[in-house]
PDB file of N, CA and C in Angstrom:
ATOM      1  N   SER A   1      60.490  68.122 -10.663  1.00  0.00           N
ATOM      2  CA  SER A   1      61.913  68.391 -10.456  1.00  0.00           C
ATOM      3  C   SER A   1      62.449  67.458  -9.386  1.00  0.00           C
ATOM      4  N   HIS A   2      63.749  67.181  -9.470  1.00  0.00           N
ATOM      5  CA  HIS A   2      64.402  66.314  -8.496  1.00  0.00           C
ATOM      6  C   HIS A   2      65.118  67.147  -7.456  1.00  0.00           C
ATOM      7  N   ALA A   3      65.022  66.738  -6.208  1.00  0.00           N
ATOM      8  CA  ALA A   3      65.746  67.412  -5.133  1.00  0.00           C
ATOM      9  C   ALA A   3      67.226  67.077  -5.251  1.00  0.00           C
ATOM     10  N   VAL A   4      68.064  68.051  -4.995  1.00  0.00           N
ATOM     11  CA  VAL A   4      69.513  67.834  -5.011  1.00  0.00           C
ATOM     12  C   VAL A   4      69.938  67.415  -3.618  1.00  0.00           C
ATOM     13  N   ALA A   5      70.587  66.279  -3.534  1.00  0.00           N
ATOM     14  CA  ALA A   5      71.037  65.777  -2.238  1.00  0.00           C
ATOM     15  C   ALA A   5      72.198  66.608  -1.718  1.00  0.00           C
ATOM     16  N   ARG A   6      72.218  66.787  -0.434  1.00  0.00           N
ATOM     17  CA  ARG A   6      73.320  67.482   0.217  1.00  0.00           C
ATOM     18  C   ARG A   6      74.557  66.586   0.166  1.00  0.00           C
ATOM     19  N   PRO A   7      75.737  67.147  -0.100  1.00  0.00           N
ATOM     20  CA  PRO A   7      76.951  66.315  -0.089  1.00  0.00           C
ATOM     21  C   PRO A   7      77.130  65.643   1.272  1.00  0.00           C
ATOM     22  N   LEU A   8      77.607  64.436   1.249  1.00  0.00           N
ATOM     23  CA  LEU A   8      77.822  63.656   2.463  1.00  0.00           C
ATOM     24  C   LEU A   8      79.317  63.505   2.689  1.00  0.00           C
ATOM     25  N   THR A   9      79.767  63.912   3.847  1.00  0.00           N
ATOM     26  CA  THR A   9      81.162  63.741   4.235  1.00  0.00           C
ATOM     27  C   THR A   9      81.222  62.643   5.291  1.00  0.00           C
ATOM     28  N   LEU A  10      82.009  61.620   5.012  1.00  0.00           N
ATOM     29  CA  LEU A  10      82.182  60.514   5.951  1.00  0.00           C
ATOM     30  C   LEU A  10      83.612  60.483   6.450  1.00  0.00           C
ATOM     31  N   ARG A  11      83.765  60.332   7.748  1.00  0.00           N
ATOM     32  CA  ARG A  11      85.079  60.046   8.338  1.00  0.00           C
ATOM     33  C   ARG A  11      84.951  58.658   8.948  1.00  0.00           C
ATOM     34  N   VAL A  12      85.787  57.734   8.480  1.00  0.00           N
ATOM     35  CA  VAL A  12      85.679  56.330   8.868  1.00  0.00           C
ATOM     36  C   VAL A  12      86.956  55.924   9.593  1.00  0.00           C
ATOM     37  N   PHE A  13      86.781  55.326  10.761  1.00  0.00           N
ATOM     38  CA  PHE A  13      87.916  54.860  11.556  1.00  0.00           C
ATOM     39  C   PHE A  13      87.742  53.373  11.805  1.00  0.00           C
ATOM     40  N   LEU A  14      88.773  52.608  11.472  1.00  0.00           N
ATOM     41  CA  LEU A  14      88.775  51.169  11.697  1.00  0.00           C
ATOM     42  C   LEU A  14      89.957  50.858  12.593  1.00  0.00           C
ATOM     43  N   ASP A  15      89.675  50.407  13.804  1.00  0.00           N
ATOM     44  CA  ASP A  15      90.716  50.113  14.797  1.00  0.00           C
ATOM     45  C   ASP A  15      90.440  48.723  15.352  1.00  0.00           C
ATOM     46  N   GLY A  16      91.084  47.738  14.736  1.00  0.00           N
ATOM     47  CA  GLY A  16      90.826  46.354  15.144  1.00  0.00           C
ATOM     48  C   GLY A  16      89.371  46.015  14.880  1.00  0.00           C
ATOM     49  N   PRO A  17      88.648  45.546  15.898  1.00  0.00           N
ATOM     50  CA  PRO A  17      87.252  45.168  15.673  1.00  0.00           C
ATOM     51  C   PRO A  17      86.271  46.338  15.776  1.00  0.00           C
ATOM     52  N   LEU A  18      86.759  47.557  15.993  1.00  0.00           N
ATOM     53  CA  LEU A  18      85.877  48.706  16.152  1.00  0.00           C
ATOM     54  C   LEU A  18      85.835  49.544  14.882  1.00  0.00           C
ATOM     55  N   LEU A  19      84.643  49.734  14.324  1.00  0.00           N
ATOM     56  CA  LEU A  19      84.422  50.572  13.149  1.00  0.00           C
ATOM     57  C   LEU A  19      83.549  51.744  13.576  1.00  0.00           C
ATOM     58  N   GLU A  20      84.027  52.970  13.329  1.00  0.00           N
ATOM     59  CA  GLU A  20      83.256  54.175  13.633  1.00  0.00           C
ATOM     60  C   GLU A  20      83.113  54.980  12.349  1.00  0.00           C
ATOM     61  N   VAL A  21      81.912  55.457  12.086  1.00  0.00           N
ATOM     62  CA  VAL A  21      81.639  56.273  10.912  1.00  0.00           C
ATOM     63  C   VAL A  21      80.967  57.563  11.381  1.00  0.00           C
ATOM     64  N   PHE A  22      81.576  58.698  11.069  1.00  0.00           N
ATOM     65  CA  PHE A  22      81.020  60.007  11.389  1.00  0.00           C
ATOM     66  C   PHE A  22      80.484  60.602  10.093  1.00  0.00           C
ATOM     67  N   ALA A  23      79.198  60.953  10.067  1.00  0.00           N
ATOM     68  CA  ALA A  23      78.539  61.488   8.873  1.00  0.00           C
ATOM     69  C   ALA A  23      78.252  62.975   9.069  1.00  0.00           C
ATOM     70  N   ASN A  24      78.878  63.805   8.221  1.00  0.00           N
ATOM     71  CA  ASN A  24      78.698  65.261   8.245  1.00  0.00           C
ATOM     72  C   ASN A  24      78.870  65.855   9.632  1.00  0.00           C
ATOM     73  N   ASP A  25      79.686  65.250  10.453  1.00  0.00           N
ATOM     74  CA  ASP A  25      79.928  65.714  11.827  1.00  0.00           C
ATOM     75  C   ASP A  25      78.638  65.869  12.625  1.00  0.00           C
ATOM     76  N   GLU A  26      77.590  65.126  12.243  1.00  0.00           N
ATOM     77  CA  GLU A  26      76.304  65.198  12.932  1.00  0.00           C
ATOM     78  C   GLU A  26      75.873  63.864  13.519  1.00  0.00           C
ATOM     79  N   LEU A  27      76.366  62.783  12.950  1.00  0.00           N
ATOM     80  CA  LEU A  27      75.916  61.456  13.336  1.00  0.00           C
ATOM     81  C   LEU A  27      77.114  60.529  13.429  1.00  0.00           C
ATOM     82  N   CYS A  28      77.136  59.711  14.461  1.00  0.00           N
ATOM     83  CA  CYS A  28      78.211  58.724  14.614  1.00  0.00           C
ATOM     84  C   CYS A  28      77.588  57.339  14.716  1.00  0.00           C
ATOM     85  N   LEU A  29      78.069  56.448  13.879  1.00  0.00           N
ATOM     86  CA  LEU A  29      77.650  55.053  13.933  1.00  0.00           C
ATOM     87  C   LEU A  29      78.849  54.222  14.347  1.00  0.00           C
ATOM     88  N   THR A  30      78.646  53.346  15.322  1.00  0.00           N
ATOM     89  CA  THR A  30      79.725  52.498  15.818  1.00  0.00           C
ATOM     90  C   THR A  30      79.281  51.047  15.696  1.00  0.00           C
ATOM     91  N   GLN A  31      80.179  50.204  15.201  1.00  0.00           N
ATOM     92  CA  GLN A  31      79.850  48.796  15.001  1.00  0.00           C
ATOM     93  C   GLN A  31      81.076  47.952  15.312  1.00  0.00           C
ATOM     94  N   GLN A  32      80.874  46.851  15.982  1.00  0.00           N
ATOM     95  CA  GLN A  32      81.954  45.896  16.163  1.00  0.00           C
ATOM     96  C   GLN A  32      81.950  45.000  14.935  1.00  0.00           C
ATOM     97  N   VAL A  33      83.121  44.808  14.326  1.00  0.00           N
ATOM     98  CA  VAL A  33      83.228  44.008  13.112  1.00  0.00           C
ATOM     99  C   VAL A  33      84.127  42.810  13.363  1.00  0.00           C
ATOM    100  N   PHE A  34      83.894  41.772  12.610  1.00  0.00           N
ATOM    101  CA  PHE A  34      84.653  40.535  12.752  1.00  0.00           C
ATOM    102  C   PHE A  34      85.181  40.117  11.389  1.00  0.00           C
ATOM    103  N   PRO A  35      86.343  40.659  10.975  1.00  0.00           N
ATOM    104  CA  PRO A  35      86.904  40.290   9.675  1.00  0.00           C
ATOM    105  C   PRO A  35      87.209  38.794   9.604  1.00  0.00           C
ATOM    106  N   LEU A  36      87.181  38.263   8.399  1.00  0.00           N
ATOM    107  CA  LEU A  36      87.480  36.847   8.219  1.00  0.00           C
ATOM    108  C   LEU A  36      88.955  36.547   8.426  1.00  0.00           C
ATOM    109  N   ARG A  37      89.816  37.527   8.132  1.00  0.00           N
ATOM    110  CA  ARG A  37      91.257  37.334   8.291  1.00  0.00           C
ATOM    111  C   ARG A  37      91.807  38.444   9.181  1.00  0.00           C
ATOM    112  N   PRO A  38      92.784  38.156  10.027  1.00  0.00           N
ATOM    113  CA  PRO A  38      93.350  39.176  10.924  1.00  0.00           C
ATOM    114  C   PRO A  38      93.956  40.368  10.180  1.00  0.00           C
ATOM    115  N   GLU A  39      94.470  40.158   8.964  1.00  0.00           N
ATOM    116  CA  GLU A  39      95.113  41.239   8.206  1.00  0.00           C
ATOM    117  C   GLU A  39      94.111  42.062   7.381  1.00  0.00           C
ATOM    118  N   SER A  40      92.815  41.775   7.485  1.00  0.00           N
ATOM    119  CA  SER A  40      91.804  42.490   6.701  1.00  0.00           C
ATOM    120  C   SER A  40      91.689  43.942   7.155  1.00  0.00           C
ATOM    121  N   VAL A  41      91.906  44.874   6.217  1.00  0.00           N
ATOM    122  CA  VAL A  41      91.773  46.305   6.512  1.00  0.00           C
ATOM    123  C   VAL A  41      91.043  47.039   5.384  1.00  0.00           C
ATOM    124  N   GLU A  42      90.399  46.321   4.486  1.00  0.00           N
ATOM    125  CA  GLU A  42      89.728  46.922   3.336  1.00  0.00           C
ATOM    126  C   GLU A  42      88.343  47.431   3.713  1.00  0.00           C
ATOM    127  N   LEU A  43      88.007  48.615   3.198  1.00  0.00           N
ATOM    128  CA  LEU A  43      86.665  49.172   3.333  1.00  0.00           C
ATOM    129  C   LEU A  43      86.087  49.351   1.945  1.00  0.00           C
ATOM    130  N   ARG A  44      84.784  49.159   1.802  1.00  0.00           N
ATOM    131  CA  ARG A  44      84.111  49.361   0.515  1.00  0.00           C
ATOM    132  C   ARG A  44      82.940  50.300   0.716  1.00  0.00           C
ATOM    133  N   ALA A  45      82.687  51.131  -0.286  1.00  0.00           N
ATOM    134  CA  ALA A  45      81.572  52.072  -0.245  1.00  0.00           C
ATOM    135  C   ALA A  45      80.558  51.689  -1.316  1.00  0.00           C
ATOM    136  N   PHE A  46      79.277  51.826  -0.996  1.00  0.00           N
ATOM    137  CA  PHE A  46      78.225  51.547  -1.961  1.00  0.00           C
ATOM    138  C   PHE A  46      77.005  52.387  -1.609  1.00  0.00           C
ATOM    139  N   ALA A  47      76.083  52.522  -2.543  1.00  0.00           N
ATOM    140  CA  ALA A  47      74.862  53.311  -2.349  1.00  0.00           C
ATOM    141  C   ALA A  47      73.650  52.453  -2.690  1.00  0.00           C
ATOM    142  N   HIS A  48      72.599  52.596  -1.906  1.00  0.00           N
ATOM    143  CA  HIS A  48      71.325  51.924  -2.174  1.00  0.00           C
ATOM    144  C   HIS A  48      70.336  52.950  -2.721  1.00  0.00           C
ATOM    145  N   GLY A  49      69.597  52.587  -3.738  1.00  0.00           N
ATOM    146  CA  GLY A  49      68.539  53.436  -4.245  1.00  0.00           C
ATOM    147  C   GLY A  49      68.993  54.610  -5.087  1.00  0.00           C
ATOM    148  N   GLY A  50      70.203  54.595  -5.575  1.00  0.00           N
ATOM    149  CA  GLY A  50      70.686  55.689  -6.406  1.00  0.00           C
ATOM    150  C   GLY A  50      72.177  55.617  -6.575  1.00  0.00           C
ATOM    151  N   GLY A  51      72.705  56.614  -7.237  1.00  0.00           N
ATOM    152  CA  GLY A  51      74.143  56.639  -7.496  1.00  0.00           C
ATOM    153  C   GLY A  51      74.882  57.484  -6.479  1.00  0.00           C
ATOM    154  N   ALA A  52      76.161  57.337  -6.464  1.00  0.00           N
ATOM    155  CA  ALA A  52      77.027  58.118  -5.578  1.00  0.00           C
ATOM    156  C   ALA A  52      78.394  58.245  -6.232  1.00  0.00           C
ATOM    157  N   ARG A  53      79.101  59.314  -5.907  1.00  0.00           N
ATOM    158  CA  ARG A  53      80.468  59.513  -6.385  1.00  0.00           C
ATOM    159  C   ARG A  53      81.362  59.771  -5.175  1.00  0.00           C
ATOM    160  N   ILE A  54      82.506  59.151  -5.149  1.00  0.00           N
ATOM    161  CA  ILE A  54      83.509  59.443  -4.132  1.00  0.00           C
ATOM    162  C   ILE A  54      84.440  60.476  -4.735  1.00  0.00           C
ATOM    163  N   LEU A  55      84.455  61.663  -4.157  1.00  0.00           N
ATOM    164  CA  LEU A  55      85.263  62.752  -4.695  1.00  0.00           C
ATOM    165  C   LEU A  55      86.679  62.755  -4.145  1.00  0.00           C
ATOM    166  N   GLU A  56      86.850  62.241  -2.939  1.00  0.00           N
ATOM    167  CA  GLU A  56      88.176  62.223  -2.331  1.00  0.00           C
ATOM    168  C   GLU A  56      88.212  61.130  -1.275  1.00  0.00           C
ATOM    169  N   ALA A  57      89.330  60.455  -1.175  1.00  0.00           N
ATOM    170  CA  ALA A  57      89.513  59.430  -0.147  1.00  0.00           C
ATOM    171  C   ALA A  57      90.968  59.440   0.289  1.00  0.00           C
ATOM    172  N   ASP A  58      91.182  59.445   1.576  1.00  0.00           N
ATOM    173  CA  ASP A  58      92.522  59.390   2.162  1.00  0.00           C
ATOM    174  C   ASP A  58      92.538  58.283   3.198  1.00  0.00           C
ATOM    175  N   ALA A  59      93.689  57.654   3.386  1.00  0.00           N
ATOM    176  CA  ALA A  59      93.827  56.606   4.390  1.00  0.00           C
ATOM    177  C   ALA A  59      95.169  56.749   5.083  1.00  0.00           C
ATOM    178  N   TRP A  60      95.184  56.477   6.376  1.00  0.00           N
ATOM    179  CA  TRP A  60      96.411  56.517   7.165  1.00  0.00           C
ATOM    180  C   TRP A  60      96.463  55.281   8.032  1.00  0.00           C
ATOM    181  N   GLU A  61      97.648  54.750   8.198  1.00  0.00           N
ATOM    182  CA  GLU A  61      97.847  53.654   9.139  1.00  0.00           C
ATOM    183  C   GLU A  61      98.293  54.272  10.448  1.00  0.00           C
ATOM    184  N   MET A  62      97.585  53.948  11.505  1.00  0.00           N
ATOM    185  CA  MET A  62      97.879  54.536  12.809  1.00  0.00           C
ATOM    186  C   MET A  62      98.836  53.646  13.588  1.00  0.00           C
ATOM    187  N   SER A  63      99.683  54.268  14.383  1.00  0.00           N
ATOM    188  CA  SER A  63     100.561  53.530  15.284  1.00  0.00           C
ATOM    189  C   SER A  63      99.793  53.126  16.520  1.00  0.00           C
ATOM    190  N   ALA A  64     100.273  52.102  17.178  1.00  0.00           N
ATOM    191  CA  ALA A  64      99.642  51.662  18.416  1.00  0.00           C
ATOM    192  C   ALA A  64      99.824  52.726  19.496  1.00  0.00           C
ATOM    193  N   ALA A  65      98.839  52.842  20.370  1.00  0.00           N
ATOM    194  CA  ALA A  65      98.931  53.800  21.491  1.00  0.00           C
ATOM    195  C   ALA A  65      99.997  53.324  22.462  1.00  0.00           C
ATOM    196  N   LYS A  66     100.722  54.282  23.016  1.00  0.00           N
ATOM    197  CA  LYS A  66     101.761  53.963  24.001  1.00  0.00           C
ATOM    198  C   LYS A  66     101.383  54.612  25.327  1.00  0.00           C
ATOM    199  N   PHE A  67     101.264  53.808  26.341  1.00  0.00           N
ATOM    200  CA  PHE A  67     100.919  54.295  27.681  1.00  0.00           C
ATOM    201  C   PHE A  67     102.141  54.142  28.563  1.00  0.00           C
ATOM    202  N   GLU A  68     102.563  55.228  29.170  1.00  0.00           N
ATOM    203  CA  GLU A  68     103.765  55.170  30.039  1.00  0.00           C
ATOM    204  C   GLU A  68     103.422  55.622  31.422  1.00  0.00           C
TER     205      GLU A  68
END
């Protein structure tokens, strides 16, 4: 029999060169990224060693922080 994988929930934040990925609210991965173009904001999802389905995806453009 095959084990059923637990669903994976990812929250991904891209803020300039900083990429943060929160997995199931248990693990946080942070990486500095260097896009080829300044306007690059695309993210891609893929799976190694098996299949995956994206059941829902939402995206928001954030405003710049204002410090007064």
